[in-house]
N, C-alpha and C. Protein backbone atom coordinates (compact mmCIF):
# COMPACT_ATOMS: atom_id res chain seq x y z
N UNK A 1 29.23 -13.50 -23.44
CA UNK A 1 30.19 -12.52 -23.99
C UNK A 1 31.60 -13.08 -23.52
N UNK A 2 32.67 -12.84 -24.54
CA UNK A 2 33.94 -12.59 -23.98
C UNK A 2 34.79 -11.42 -24.39
N UNK A 3 35.97 -11.19 -23.76
CA UNK A 3 36.62 -10.03 -24.13
C UNK A 3 37.38 -10.47 -25.35
N UNK A 4 37.52 -9.47 -26.40
CA UNK A 4 38.12 -9.43 -27.48
C UNK A 4 39.58 -9.04 -27.42
N UNK A 5 39.89 -8.26 -26.47
CA UNK A 5 41.35 -7.89 -26.06
C UNK A 5 41.53 -7.54 -24.91
N UNK A 6 42.49 -7.11 -24.54
CA UNK A 6 43.27 -6.79 -23.00
C UNK A 6 42.22 -5.76 -22.43
N UNK A 7 41.74 -5.82 -21.33
CA UNK A 7 40.85 -5.18 -20.50
C UNK A 7 41.32 -4.95 -19.04
N UNK A 8 41.68 -3.67 -18.53
CA UNK A 8 41.54 -3.92 -17.06
C UNK A 8 40.38 -3.08 -16.63
N UNK A 9 39.94 -3.74 -15.34
CA UNK A 9 38.84 -3.61 -14.82
C UNK A 9 39.07 -2.71 -13.36
N UNK A 10 38.62 -1.74 -13.15
CA UNK A 10 39.01 -0.81 -11.87
C UNK A 10 37.67 -0.66 -11.37
N UNK A 11 37.28 -1.43 -10.15
CA UNK A 11 36.23 -1.17 -9.26
C UNK A 11 36.66 -0.27 -8.19
N UNK A 12 36.28 0.89 -8.16
CA UNK A 12 36.43 2.08 -7.40
C UNK A 12 35.71 2.53 -6.22
N UNK A 13 34.26 1.85 -6.25
CA UNK A 13 33.50 2.30 -5.31
C UNK A 13 32.86 3.52 -5.43
N UNK A 14 32.58 3.91 -4.40
CA UNK A 14 32.21 5.71 -4.34
C UNK A 14 33.00 6.68 -4.34
N UNK A 15 33.07 7.40 -5.23
CA UNK A 15 34.41 8.24 -5.63
C UNK A 15 33.67 9.60 -6.02
N UNK A 16 34.44 10.69 -5.56
CA UNK A 16 33.88 11.95 -5.86
C UNK A 16 34.22 12.37 -7.49
N UNK A 17 32.94 12.98 -8.04
CA UNK A 17 32.92 13.05 -9.34
C UNK A 17 34.28 13.89 -9.92
N UNK A 18 34.67 14.82 -9.09
CA UNK A 18 35.90 15.72 -9.76
C UNK A 18 37.27 14.60 -9.69
N UNK A 19 37.06 13.75 -8.60
CA UNK A 19 38.27 12.94 -8.50
C UNK A 19 38.20 12.01 -9.77
N UNK A 20 37.46 11.45 -10.17
CA UNK A 20 36.87 10.48 -11.14
C UNK A 20 37.31 11.15 -12.56
N UNK A 21 36.90 12.31 -12.54
CA UNK A 21 37.14 13.13 -13.93
C UNK A 21 38.58 13.40 -14.11
N UNK A 22 39.28 13.72 -13.02
CA UNK A 22 40.77 13.98 -13.15
C UNK A 22 41.44 12.51 -13.24
N UNK A 23 40.98 11.22 -12.97
CA UNK A 23 41.70 10.21 -13.25
C UNK A 23 41.50 9.88 -14.71
N UNK A 24 40.05 10.01 -15.02
CA UNK A 24 39.75 9.59 -16.70
C UNK A 24 40.82 10.45 -17.24
N UNK A 25 40.91 11.61 -17.06
CA UNK A 25 42.11 12.62 -17.98
C UNK A 25 43.18 11.94 -17.86
N UNK A 26 43.60 11.53 -16.62
CA UNK A 26 45.14 10.69 -16.69
C UNK A 26 45.08 9.58 -17.68
N UNK A 27 44.02 8.86 -17.46
CA UNK A 27 44.25 7.59 -18.40
C UNK A 27 43.94 7.88 -19.65
N UNK A 28 43.34 8.68 -20.08
CA UNK A 28 42.74 9.09 -21.43
C UNK A 28 44.38 9.53 -22.05
N UNK A 29 45.37 10.18 -21.34
CA UNK A 29 46.70 10.59 -21.86
C UNK A 29 47.28 9.39 -21.99
N UNK A 30 47.43 8.50 -20.88
CA UNK A 30 48.17 7.44 -20.80
C UNK A 30 47.77 6.21 -21.67
N UNK A 31 46.47 6.21 -22.24
CA UNK A 31 46.04 5.27 -23.30
C UNK A 31 46.46 5.97 -24.64
N UNK A 32 46.39 7.21 -24.81
CA UNK A 32 46.83 7.65 -26.05
C UNK A 32 48.52 7.33 -26.45
N UNK A 33 49.39 7.50 -25.17
CA UNK A 33 50.65 6.97 -25.37
C UNK A 33 50.88 5.54 -25.38
N UNK A 34 49.76 4.85 -25.27
CA UNK A 34 49.89 3.38 -25.27
C UNK A 34 50.69 3.02 -23.91
N UNK A 35 50.71 3.58 -22.56
CA UNK A 35 51.07 3.09 -21.74
C UNK A 35 50.18 2.08 -20.86
N UNK A 36 48.94 2.28 -21.25
CA UNK A 36 47.91 1.29 -20.79
C UNK A 36 47.39 0.46 -21.67
N UNK A 37 46.52 -0.64 -21.34
CA UNK A 37 45.48 -1.12 -22.27
C UNK A 37 43.89 -0.70 -21.96
N UNK A 38 43.06 -0.91 -22.70
CA UNK A 38 41.87 -0.63 -22.41
C UNK A 38 41.37 -0.62 -21.13
N UNK A 39 40.79 0.28 -20.61
CA UNK A 39 40.61 0.16 -19.05
C UNK A 39 38.98 0.53 -18.84
N UNK A 40 38.45 -0.01 -17.75
CA UNK A 40 36.94 0.17 -17.47
C UNK A 40 36.87 0.48 -16.01
N UNK A 41 36.50 1.67 -15.82
CA UNK A 41 36.11 2.33 -14.24
C UNK A 41 34.74 1.86 -14.28
N UNK A 42 34.48 1.14 -12.74
CA UNK A 42 33.29 0.72 -12.37
C UNK A 42 33.11 1.48 -10.93
N UNK A 43 32.16 2.36 -10.89
CA UNK A 43 31.99 3.51 -9.52
C UNK A 43 30.53 3.58 -9.51
N UNK A 44 30.50 4.63 -8.37
CA UNK A 44 29.51 5.17 -8.04
C UNK A 44 29.79 6.60 -7.52
N UNK A 45 28.86 7.55 -7.64
CA UNK A 45 29.20 8.83 -7.26
C UNK A 45 28.31 9.44 -5.91
N UNK A 46 28.64 10.24 -5.08
CA UNK A 46 27.74 11.14 -4.40
C UNK A 46 26.89 11.84 -5.44
N UNK A 47 25.89 12.00 -4.73
CA UNK A 47 24.75 13.02 -5.49
C UNK A 47 25.31 14.03 -6.51
N UNK A 48 25.34 14.13 -7.52
CA UNK A 48 26.11 14.82 -8.53
C UNK A 48 25.23 15.09 -9.80
N UNK A 49 24.91 16.46 -10.15
CA UNK A 49 24.41 16.72 -11.40
C UNK A 49 25.52 17.16 -12.32
N UNK A 50 25.53 16.87 -13.46
CA UNK A 50 26.69 17.26 -14.65
C UNK A 50 25.70 17.88 -15.56
N UNK A 51 26.45 18.79 -16.34
CA UNK A 51 26.03 19.30 -17.33
C UNK A 51 27.06 19.24 -18.65
N UNK A 52 26.49 18.46 -19.88
CA UNK A 52 27.38 18.25 -20.78
C UNK A 52 27.49 19.49 -21.81
N UNK A 53 28.03 19.14 -22.99
CA UNK A 53 28.38 20.22 -24.02
C UNK A 53 27.14 20.77 -24.60
N UNK A 54 26.10 20.12 -24.59
CA UNK A 54 24.90 20.62 -25.43
C UNK A 54 23.85 21.07 -24.02
N UNK A 55 24.51 21.40 -23.04
CA UNK A 55 23.70 21.98 -21.85
C UNK A 55 22.66 23.24 -22.22
N UNK A 56 21.84 23.24 -21.36
CA UNK A 56 20.98 24.48 -21.23
C UNK A 56 20.47 24.42 -20.10
N UNK A 57 21.09 25.57 -19.39
CA UNK A 57 21.16 25.68 -18.05
C UNK A 57 19.81 25.80 -17.22
N UNK A 58 18.69 26.16 -18.20
CA UNK A 58 17.32 25.96 -17.22
C UNK A 58 16.74 24.83 -17.20
N UNK A 59 17.61 23.58 -17.77
CA UNK A 59 17.14 22.16 -17.59
C UNK A 59 17.33 21.90 -16.13
N UNK A 60 18.08 22.79 -15.30
CA UNK A 60 18.59 22.46 -13.94
C UNK A 60 17.24 23.20 -13.05
N UNK A 61 16.29 22.49 -12.55
CA UNK A 61 15.17 23.11 -12.05
C UNK A 61 15.18 23.62 -10.67
N UNK A 62 16.32 23.59 -9.92
CA UNK A 62 16.81 24.25 -8.66
C UNK A 62 17.95 25.29 -8.88
N UNK A 63 17.62 26.38 -7.87
CA UNK A 63 18.49 27.29 -7.71
C UNK A 63 19.89 26.77 -7.29
N UNK A 64 20.93 27.22 -7.85
CA UNK A 64 22.28 26.51 -7.53
C UNK A 64 22.51 26.41 -5.94
N UNK A 65 22.31 27.81 -5.29
CA UNK A 65 22.74 27.72 -4.07
C UNK A 65 21.68 27.04 -3.19
N UNK A 66 20.83 26.12 -3.48
CA UNK A 66 19.88 25.06 -2.86
C UNK A 66 20.55 23.94 -2.99
N UNK A 67 21.30 23.67 -3.92
CA UNK A 67 22.00 22.23 -4.32
C UNK A 67 22.48 21.95 -2.88
N UNK A 68 23.56 22.65 -2.03
CA UNK A 68 23.90 22.25 -0.77
C UNK A 68 22.89 21.59 0.04
N UNK A 69 21.66 21.93 -0.03
CA UNK A 69 20.56 21.75 0.97
C UNK A 69 20.17 20.26 0.61
N UNK A 70 20.20 19.70 -0.42
CA UNK A 70 19.81 18.46 -0.97
C UNK A 70 20.86 17.45 -1.18
N UNK A 71 22.15 17.97 -0.46
CA UNK A 71 23.24 17.11 -0.55
C UNK A 71 23.71 16.72 -1.93
N UNK A 72 23.82 17.84 -3.01
CA UNK A 72 24.18 17.61 -4.25
C UNK A 72 25.11 18.48 -4.55
N UNK A 73 25.98 18.02 -5.49
CA UNK A 73 27.07 19.24 -6.32
C UNK A 73 26.70 19.32 -7.96
N UNK A 74 27.23 20.21 -8.38
CA UNK A 74 26.79 20.36 -9.91
C UNK A 74 28.44 20.60 -10.72
N UNK A 75 28.27 20.00 -11.87
CA UNK A 75 29.80 20.23 -12.46
C UNK A 75 29.60 20.47 -14.00
N UNK A 76 30.29 21.02 -14.68
CA UNK A 76 30.05 21.28 -16.04
C UNK A 76 31.52 20.17 -16.37
N UNK A 77 30.84 19.57 -17.77
CA UNK A 77 31.76 18.73 -18.34
C UNK A 77 31.84 18.66 -19.90
N UNK A 78 33.05 18.21 -20.23
CA UNK A 78 33.15 18.16 -21.62
C UNK A 78 32.32 16.91 -22.51
N UNK A 79 31.75 16.03 -21.72
CA UNK A 79 31.02 14.90 -22.30
C UNK A 79 29.81 15.58 -23.22
N UNK A 80 29.30 14.53 -24.11
CA UNK A 80 28.09 14.88 -24.87
C UNK A 80 26.61 14.90 -24.07
N UNK A 81 26.05 15.49 -24.70
CA UNK A 81 24.58 15.49 -24.03
C UNK A 81 24.28 16.98 -23.22
N UNK A 82 23.10 16.54 -22.32
CA UNK A 82 22.51 17.85 -21.52
C UNK A 82 22.98 17.41 -20.00
N UNK A 83 22.00 17.77 -19.41
CA UNK A 83 22.10 17.47 -17.73
C UNK A 83 21.82 16.34 -17.15
N UNK A 84 22.36 15.56 -16.55
CA UNK A 84 21.88 14.45 -15.85
C UNK A 84 22.44 14.15 -14.49
N UNK A 85 21.98 13.44 -13.97
CA UNK A 85 22.19 13.19 -12.11
C UNK A 85 23.19 11.72 -11.93
N UNK A 86 24.02 11.93 -11.05
CA UNK A 86 24.81 10.67 -10.63
C UNK A 86 24.74 10.34 -9.39
N UNK A 87 24.38 9.35 -8.81
CA UNK A 87 24.27 8.96 -7.62
C UNK A 87 24.40 7.76 -7.02
N UNK A 88 24.34 7.41 -5.52
CA UNK A 88 24.60 5.98 -4.97
C UNK A 88 23.51 5.26 -5.75
N UNK A 89 23.68 3.90 -6.00
CA UNK A 89 22.96 2.82 -6.34
C UNK A 89 22.70 3.01 -7.81
N UNK A 90 23.45 3.73 -8.61
CA UNK A 90 23.47 3.61 -10.06
C UNK A 90 24.86 2.52 -10.43
N UNK A 91 24.62 1.81 -11.33
CA UNK A 91 25.83 1.34 -12.11
C UNK A 91 26.60 2.14 -13.06
N UNK A 92 27.71 2.65 -12.76
CA UNK A 92 28.22 3.88 -13.41
C UNK A 92 29.75 3.15 -14.11
N UNK A 93 29.75 3.26 -15.45
CA UNK A 93 30.72 2.41 -16.11
C UNK A 93 31.48 3.76 -17.14
N UNK A 94 32.61 4.04 -16.96
CA UNK A 94 33.47 4.83 -17.77
C UNK A 94 34.60 3.75 -18.64
N UNK A 95 34.43 3.73 -19.86
CA UNK A 95 35.27 2.97 -20.69
C UNK A 95 36.30 3.90 -21.07
N UNK A 96 37.71 3.69 -20.83
CA UNK A 96 38.83 4.38 -21.53
C UNK A 96 39.25 3.29 -22.46
N UNK A 97 38.75 3.43 -23.83
CA UNK A 97 39.34 2.63 -24.80
C UNK A 97 39.55 3.13 -26.10
N UNK A 98 40.27 2.40 -26.70
CA UNK A 98 40.89 3.09 -28.23
C UNK A 98 39.82 2.52 -29.16
N UNK A 99 39.07 3.49 -29.80
CA UNK A 99 37.91 3.07 -30.69
C UNK A 99 38.70 2.77 -32.21
N UNK A 100 39.78 3.39 -32.35
CA UNK A 100 40.55 2.72 -33.86
C UNK A 100 41.18 1.64 -33.55
N UNK A 101 41.49 1.00 -32.51
CA UNK A 101 41.84 -0.18 -32.35
C UNK A 101 41.07 -1.17 -32.65
N UNK A 102 39.83 -0.97 -32.18
CA UNK A 102 38.96 -1.98 -32.27
C UNK A 102 37.80 -1.82 -33.42
N UNK A 103 38.07 -0.78 -34.17
CA UNK A 103 37.51 -0.32 -35.52
C UNK A 103 36.10 0.04 -35.60
N UNK A 104 35.79 0.82 -34.41
CA UNK A 104 34.34 1.39 -33.97
C UNK A 104 34.41 2.83 -34.35
N UNK A 105 33.37 3.22 -34.89
CA UNK A 105 33.02 4.74 -35.07
C UNK A 105 32.28 5.00 -33.91
N UNK A 106 32.02 6.46 -33.55
CA UNK A 106 31.32 7.03 -32.42
C UNK A 106 29.79 6.52 -32.26
N UNK A 107 29.13 6.55 -33.35
CA UNK A 107 28.02 6.18 -33.42
C UNK A 107 27.70 4.69 -32.99
N UNK A 108 28.38 3.81 -33.52
CA UNK A 108 28.59 2.58 -33.35
C UNK A 108 28.87 2.07 -31.79
N UNK A 109 29.68 2.89 -31.27
CA UNK A 109 30.28 2.71 -29.96
C UNK A 109 29.13 3.00 -28.95
N UNK A 110 28.50 4.20 -29.05
CA UNK A 110 27.19 4.67 -28.39
C UNK A 110 26.25 3.36 -28.63
N UNK A 111 25.94 3.12 -29.69
CA UNK A 111 24.80 2.12 -29.92
C UNK A 111 25.34 0.72 -28.82
N UNK A 112 26.56 0.50 -28.83
CA UNK A 112 26.99 -0.87 -27.91
C UNK A 112 26.86 -0.37 -26.74
N UNK A 113 26.97 0.83 -26.06
CA UNK A 113 26.61 1.15 -24.68
C UNK A 113 25.20 1.22 -24.50
N UNK A 114 24.53 1.16 -25.51
CA UNK A 114 22.78 1.12 -25.17
C UNK A 114 22.57 -0.47 -25.21
N UNK A 115 23.16 -1.32 -25.99
CA UNK A 115 22.99 -2.59 -25.99
C UNK A 115 23.60 -3.07 -24.65
N UNK A 116 24.56 -2.55 -23.95
CA UNK A 116 25.07 -3.26 -23.04
C UNK A 116 23.85 -3.16 -21.93
N UNK A 117 23.23 -2.09 -21.77
CA UNK A 117 22.22 -1.79 -20.78
C UNK A 117 20.73 -2.40 -21.22
N UNK A 118 20.60 -2.51 -22.34
CA UNK A 118 19.50 -3.53 -22.89
C UNK A 118 19.54 -4.82 -22.26
N UNK A 119 20.74 -5.63 -22.75
CA UNK A 119 20.93 -7.05 -22.35
C UNK A 119 21.05 -6.78 -20.52
N UNK A 120 21.57 -5.85 -20.10
CA UNK A 120 21.82 -5.83 -18.64
C UNK A 120 20.20 -6.02 -18.13
N UNK A 121 19.39 -5.12 -18.50
CA UNK A 121 18.01 -5.27 -18.10
C UNK A 121 17.56 -6.51 -18.16
N UNK A 122 17.50 -6.91 -19.43
CA UNK A 122 16.78 -8.29 -19.82
C UNK A 122 17.19 -9.35 -18.92
N UNK A 123 18.47 -9.52 -18.25
CA UNK A 123 18.93 -10.30 -17.41
C UNK A 123 17.92 -10.29 -16.28
N UNK A 124 17.09 -9.26 -16.00
CA UNK A 124 16.34 -9.23 -14.59
C UNK A 124 14.75 -9.37 -15.00
N UNK A 125 14.66 -9.47 -16.54
CA UNK A 125 13.30 -9.76 -17.18
C UNK A 125 12.55 -8.44 -17.50
N UNK A 126 13.45 -7.27 -17.45
CA UNK A 126 12.93 -6.29 -17.85
C UNK A 126 13.27 -5.91 -19.32
N UNK A 127 11.91 -5.54 -20.25
CA UNK A 127 12.31 -5.09 -21.67
C UNK A 127 12.75 -3.87 -21.84
N UNK A 128 13.85 -3.50 -22.32
CA UNK A 128 14.25 -2.03 -22.55
C UNK A 128 14.51 -1.93 -23.74
N UNK A 129 15.05 -0.65 -24.43
CA UNK A 129 15.31 -0.41 -25.85
C UNK A 129 15.95 0.89 -26.18
N UNK A 130 16.53 1.04 -27.06
CA UNK A 130 17.02 2.34 -27.31
C UNK A 130 16.16 3.67 -27.64
N UNK A 131 16.61 4.56 -27.22
CA UNK A 131 15.78 5.67 -27.20
C UNK A 131 15.42 6.15 -28.95
N UNK A 132 14.30 6.98 -29.20
CA UNK A 132 14.34 7.47 -30.34
C UNK A 132 15.37 8.52 -30.85
N UNK A 133 15.29 8.93 -31.81
CA UNK A 133 16.53 9.71 -32.47
C UNK A 133 16.54 11.05 -31.45
N UNK A 134 15.87 11.90 -30.96
CA UNK A 134 16.03 12.94 -29.98
C UNK A 134 15.99 12.38 -28.46
N UNK A 135 15.97 11.17 -28.51
CA UNK A 135 15.79 10.43 -26.77
C UNK A 135 16.97 9.73 -26.64
N UNK A 136 18.23 10.14 -26.18
CA UNK A 136 19.09 9.60 -26.07
C UNK A 136 19.04 8.46 -24.80
N UNK A 137 19.85 7.23 -24.83
CA UNK A 137 19.74 6.35 -23.41
C UNK A 137 18.92 5.36 -23.93
N UNK A 138 18.54 4.81 -22.71
CA UNK A 138 17.91 3.34 -22.64
C UNK A 138 16.55 3.45 -21.95
N UNK A 139 15.50 3.09 -22.58
CA UNK A 139 14.26 3.26 -22.01
C UNK A 139 13.44 2.07 -21.54
N UNK A 140 12.65 2.06 -20.93
CA UNK A 140 11.50 1.00 -20.60
C UNK A 140 10.13 1.69 -20.95
N UNK A 141 9.64 1.62 -22.01
CA UNK A 141 8.46 2.23 -22.23
C UNK A 141 8.88 3.79 -22.77
N UNK A 142 8.03 4.65 -21.71
CA UNK A 142 8.44 5.90 -21.90
C UNK A 142 9.20 6.51 -20.39
N UNK A 143 9.88 5.28 -19.95
CA UNK A 143 10.54 5.69 -18.62
C UNK A 143 12.12 5.33 -18.88
N UNK A 144 12.88 6.22 -18.51
CA UNK A 144 14.42 6.04 -18.64
C UNK A 144 15.11 5.39 -17.85
N UNK A 145 15.68 4.56 -18.00
CA UNK A 145 16.45 3.64 -17.00
C UNK A 145 18.15 3.93 -17.09
N UNK A 146 18.47 4.31 -18.32
CA UNK A 146 19.96 4.29 -18.31
C UNK A 146 20.40 5.39 -19.17
N UNK A 147 21.33 6.26 -19.04
CA UNK A 147 21.93 7.58 -19.49
C UNK A 147 23.08 7.39 -20.29
N UNK A 148 23.47 7.80 -20.92
CA UNK A 148 24.75 7.81 -21.96
C UNK A 148 25.47 9.33 -22.31
N UNK A 149 26.63 9.51 -21.87
CA UNK A 149 27.23 10.70 -22.40
C UNK A 149 28.69 10.57 -22.45
N UNK A 150 29.22 10.57 -23.50
CA UNK A 150 30.74 10.14 -24.07
C UNK A 150 31.32 11.59 -24.44
N UNK A 151 32.73 11.12 -24.24
CA UNK A 151 33.80 12.17 -24.74
C UNK A 151 34.70 11.19 -25.60
N UNK A 152 35.11 11.68 -26.77
CA UNK A 152 36.21 11.04 -27.49
C UNK A 152 37.22 12.02 -28.00
N UNK A 153 38.32 11.60 -27.79
CA UNK A 153 39.45 12.48 -27.91
C UNK A 153 40.44 11.78 -28.32
N UNK A 154 40.97 12.19 -29.96
CA UNK A 154 41.71 11.18 -30.62
C UNK A 154 41.65 9.92 -30.59
N UNK A 155 40.35 9.43 -30.58
CA UNK A 155 39.82 8.21 -30.80
C UNK A 155 39.86 7.45 -29.38
N UNK A 156 39.82 8.22 -28.43
CA UNK A 156 40.20 7.59 -26.94
C UNK A 156 38.64 7.95 -26.32
N UNK A 157 37.98 7.17 -25.79
CA UNK A 157 36.83 7.33 -25.07
C UNK A 157 36.84 7.64 -23.35
N UNK A 158 35.94 8.54 -23.04
CA UNK A 158 35.88 8.79 -21.64
C UNK A 158 34.41 8.87 -21.44
N UNK A 159 34.15 9.28 -19.90
CA UNK A 159 32.79 9.18 -19.51
C UNK A 159 32.11 7.93 -19.96
N UNK A 160 30.83 7.82 -20.02
CA UNK A 160 30.28 6.42 -20.53
C UNK A 160 28.81 6.50 -20.05
N UNK A 161 28.21 5.45 -19.16
CA UNK A 161 26.99 5.17 -19.00
C UNK A 161 26.40 5.28 -17.67
N UNK A 162 25.43 5.57 -17.03
CA UNK A 162 24.91 5.39 -15.73
C UNK A 162 23.57 4.69 -16.10
N UNK A 163 23.69 3.44 -15.37
CA UNK A 163 22.32 2.50 -15.36
C UNK A 163 21.59 2.56 -13.95
N UNK A 164 20.19 2.77 -14.00
CA UNK A 164 19.85 3.14 -12.65
C UNK A 164 19.38 1.73 -12.07
N UNK A 165 20.10 1.27 -11.31
CA UNK A 165 19.81 -0.05 -10.31
C UNK A 165 18.44 0.35 -9.35
N UNK A 166 18.83 1.25 -8.17
CA UNK A 166 18.10 1.39 -7.08
C UNK A 166 18.34 3.00 -6.45
N UNK A 167 18.62 3.96 -7.46
CA UNK A 167 18.92 5.63 -7.07
C UNK A 167 17.79 5.89 -6.29
N UNK A 168 18.05 7.25 -5.56
CA UNK A 168 16.87 7.92 -5.12
C UNK A 168 16.51 8.63 -6.33
N UNK A 169 15.23 8.14 -6.92
CA UNK A 169 14.84 8.95 -8.03
C UNK A 169 14.16 10.24 -7.74
N UNK A 170 14.17 10.79 -6.54
CA UNK A 170 13.48 12.12 -6.39
C UNK A 170 14.77 13.01 -6.70
N UNK A 171 15.88 12.79 -6.93
CA UNK A 171 17.12 13.77 -7.46
C UNK A 171 16.50 14.25 -8.82
N UNK A 172 16.08 13.02 -9.51
CA UNK A 172 15.95 13.62 -11.03
C UNK A 172 14.71 14.69 -11.03
N UNK A 173 13.86 14.75 -9.91
CA UNK A 173 12.61 15.90 -10.12
C UNK A 173 13.23 17.45 -10.21
N UNK A 174 14.56 17.36 -9.93
CA UNK A 174 15.08 18.95 -9.97
C UNK A 174 16.01 19.03 -11.08
N UNK A 175 15.75 18.27 -12.20
CA UNK A 175 16.20 18.48 -13.53
C UNK A 175 15.17 18.24 -14.69
N UNK A 176 15.49 18.40 -15.75
CA UNK A 176 14.85 18.01 -16.94
C UNK A 176 16.21 16.96 -17.46
N UNK A 177 15.71 15.50 -17.30
CA UNK A 177 16.96 14.70 -17.33
C UNK A 177 17.17 14.61 -19.01
N UNK A 178 18.65 14.97 -19.47
CA UNK A 178 18.96 14.80 -20.81
C UNK A 178 18.40 15.88 -21.66
N UNK A 179 17.75 16.83 -20.74
CA UNK A 179 16.93 17.87 -21.73
C UNK A 179 15.74 17.48 -22.15
N UNK A 180 15.30 16.14 -22.01
CA UNK A 180 14.22 15.56 -22.58
C UNK A 180 12.82 15.66 -21.53
N UNK A 181 11.94 16.86 -21.82
CA UNK A 181 10.76 17.03 -21.04
C UNK A 181 9.90 15.85 -20.92
N UNK A 182 8.83 16.04 -19.86
CA UNK A 182 7.78 15.08 -19.81
C UNK A 182 7.97 13.73 -19.81
N UNK A 183 9.15 13.30 -19.49
CA UNK A 183 9.39 11.62 -19.56
C UNK A 183 9.63 11.23 -18.15
N UNK A 184 9.33 10.28 -17.60
CA UNK A 184 9.80 9.92 -16.42
C UNK A 184 11.12 9.06 -16.41
N UNK A 185 11.52 8.96 -15.24
CA UNK A 185 12.85 8.04 -14.96
C UNK A 185 12.65 7.01 -14.13
N UNK A 186 13.21 5.78 -14.53
CA UNK A 186 12.58 4.62 -13.64
C UNK A 186 14.05 3.78 -13.20
N UNK A 187 13.96 2.71 -12.52
CA UNK A 187 15.03 2.19 -12.10
C UNK A 187 14.73 0.51 -11.91
N UNK A 188 15.81 -0.37 -11.85
CA UNK A 188 15.50 -1.77 -11.95
C UNK A 188 14.73 -2.22 -10.93
N UNK A 189 14.69 -1.50 -9.67
CA UNK A 189 13.88 -1.93 -8.51
C UNK A 189 12.36 -1.60 -8.75
N UNK A 190 12.59 -0.31 -9.39
CA UNK A 190 11.04 -0.03 -9.74
C UNK A 190 10.28 -0.72 -10.46
N UNK A 191 11.10 -1.29 -11.73
CA UNK A 191 10.68 -2.29 -12.63
C UNK A 191 10.36 -3.42 -11.92
N UNK A 192 10.99 -3.96 -11.36
CA UNK A 192 11.08 -5.46 -10.94
C UNK A 192 10.42 -5.49 -9.27
N UNK A 193 10.47 -4.52 -8.61
CA UNK A 193 10.13 -4.69 -7.44
C UNK A 193 10.83 -5.30 -6.29
N UNK A 194 11.92 -5.88 -6.63
CA UNK A 194 12.68 -6.41 -5.57
C UNK A 194 14.12 -6.59 -5.84
N UNK A 195 14.72 -5.74 -6.80
CA UNK A 195 16.09 -5.84 -7.15
C UNK A 195 16.61 -4.63 -6.40
N UNK A 196 17.29 -4.92 -5.23
CA UNK A 196 18.29 -4.04 -4.71
C UNK A 196 19.73 -3.82 -5.14
N UNK A 197 20.59 -2.85 -5.13
CA UNK A 197 21.80 -2.62 -5.36
C UNK A 197 22.67 -3.90 -4.93
N UNK A 198 22.68 -4.10 -3.63
CA UNK A 198 23.43 -5.08 -3.06
C UNK A 198 23.34 -6.42 -3.81
N UNK A 199 21.91 -6.85 -4.21
CA UNK A 199 21.85 -8.13 -4.91
C UNK A 199 22.34 -7.95 -6.56
N UNK A 200 22.35 -6.93 -7.01
CA UNK A 200 22.70 -6.59 -8.44
C UNK A 200 24.28 -6.63 -8.25
N UNK A 201 24.72 -5.87 -7.08
CA UNK A 201 26.44 -5.74 -7.10
C UNK A 201 26.84 -7.20 -6.99
N UNK A 202 26.38 -7.78 -6.20
CA UNK A 202 26.76 -9.30 -5.75
C UNK A 202 26.82 -10.57 -7.05
N UNK A 203 26.12 -9.83 -8.07
CA UNK A 203 25.95 -10.89 -9.16
C UNK A 203 26.73 -10.49 -10.21
N UNK A 204 27.51 -9.44 -9.95
CA UNK A 204 28.58 -8.96 -10.85
C UNK A 204 28.36 -8.75 -12.54
N UNK A 205 27.03 -8.37 -12.98
CA UNK A 205 26.84 -8.48 -14.39
C UNK A 205 27.47 -7.45 -15.10
N UNK A 206 27.59 -6.37 -14.44
CA UNK A 206 28.35 -5.09 -15.23
C UNK A 206 29.37 -5.35 -16.11
N UNK A 207 30.57 -6.09 -15.31
CA UNK A 207 31.76 -6.10 -15.85
C UNK A 207 31.69 -7.38 -17.05
N UNK A 208 30.62 -8.18 -16.67
CA UNK A 208 30.43 -9.32 -17.89
C UNK A 208 29.88 -8.53 -19.09
N UNK A 209 28.74 -7.50 -18.81
CA UNK A 209 28.19 -7.12 -20.02
C UNK A 209 28.85 -6.17 -20.76
N UNK A 210 29.92 -5.65 -20.22
CA UNK A 210 30.84 -4.30 -20.84
C UNK A 210 31.51 -5.29 -21.92
N UNK A 211 31.82 -6.44 -21.94
CA UNK A 211 32.50 -7.22 -22.85
C UNK A 211 32.05 -7.08 -24.42
N UNK A 212 30.71 -6.37 -24.19
CA UNK A 212 30.17 -6.21 -25.55
C UNK A 212 30.55 -5.14 -26.17
N UNK A 213 31.32 -4.13 -25.53
CA UNK A 213 31.70 -2.94 -26.04
C UNK A 213 33.11 -3.01 -26.37
N UNK A 214 33.65 -3.85 -25.70
CA UNK A 214 35.31 -3.92 -26.13
C UNK A 214 35.43 -4.96 -27.39
């Protein structure tokens, strides 16, 4: 795949969720004002639970005061969706792009994010697919491997996707991921048995695959 327009890629490493949120908000303002080109943030977060606009608080299964004991934070956001987990060894991408300039609607944009993760999984021999109507994200059978939650303001996107490479899946036991009960969460390592985050990171496929979105 090749980029069809100018794209800046920022590799931020591990960054606090609120710090990344503040950065996104600034970049969205700058993009609206045409001060910057389309920009992609590639990063990881320390263990963090976030609740989107469709949140139901009972999908957090652990009392808030106990979050500190497991080393996790909780934040409320303006992205779409319910509750999800962000943490080390996930591939997290936050595109700050103008949908109007590339002629995409919101639904088609989300579909492209799904295809990005599906194509990414296929590079490692994992067959993934988009979820059914009420099952957002990307799935391997009935196991979720990638989550999507976006915000669009005046045609400019923020937030994005989180693809599970080798995160600590125990953190998902404390939530009903994306509000979808009775479903498992999986990772690239669990599905392949041998793909760790370092090997994944060194191959650099995420930035290549995101070309399908731009």
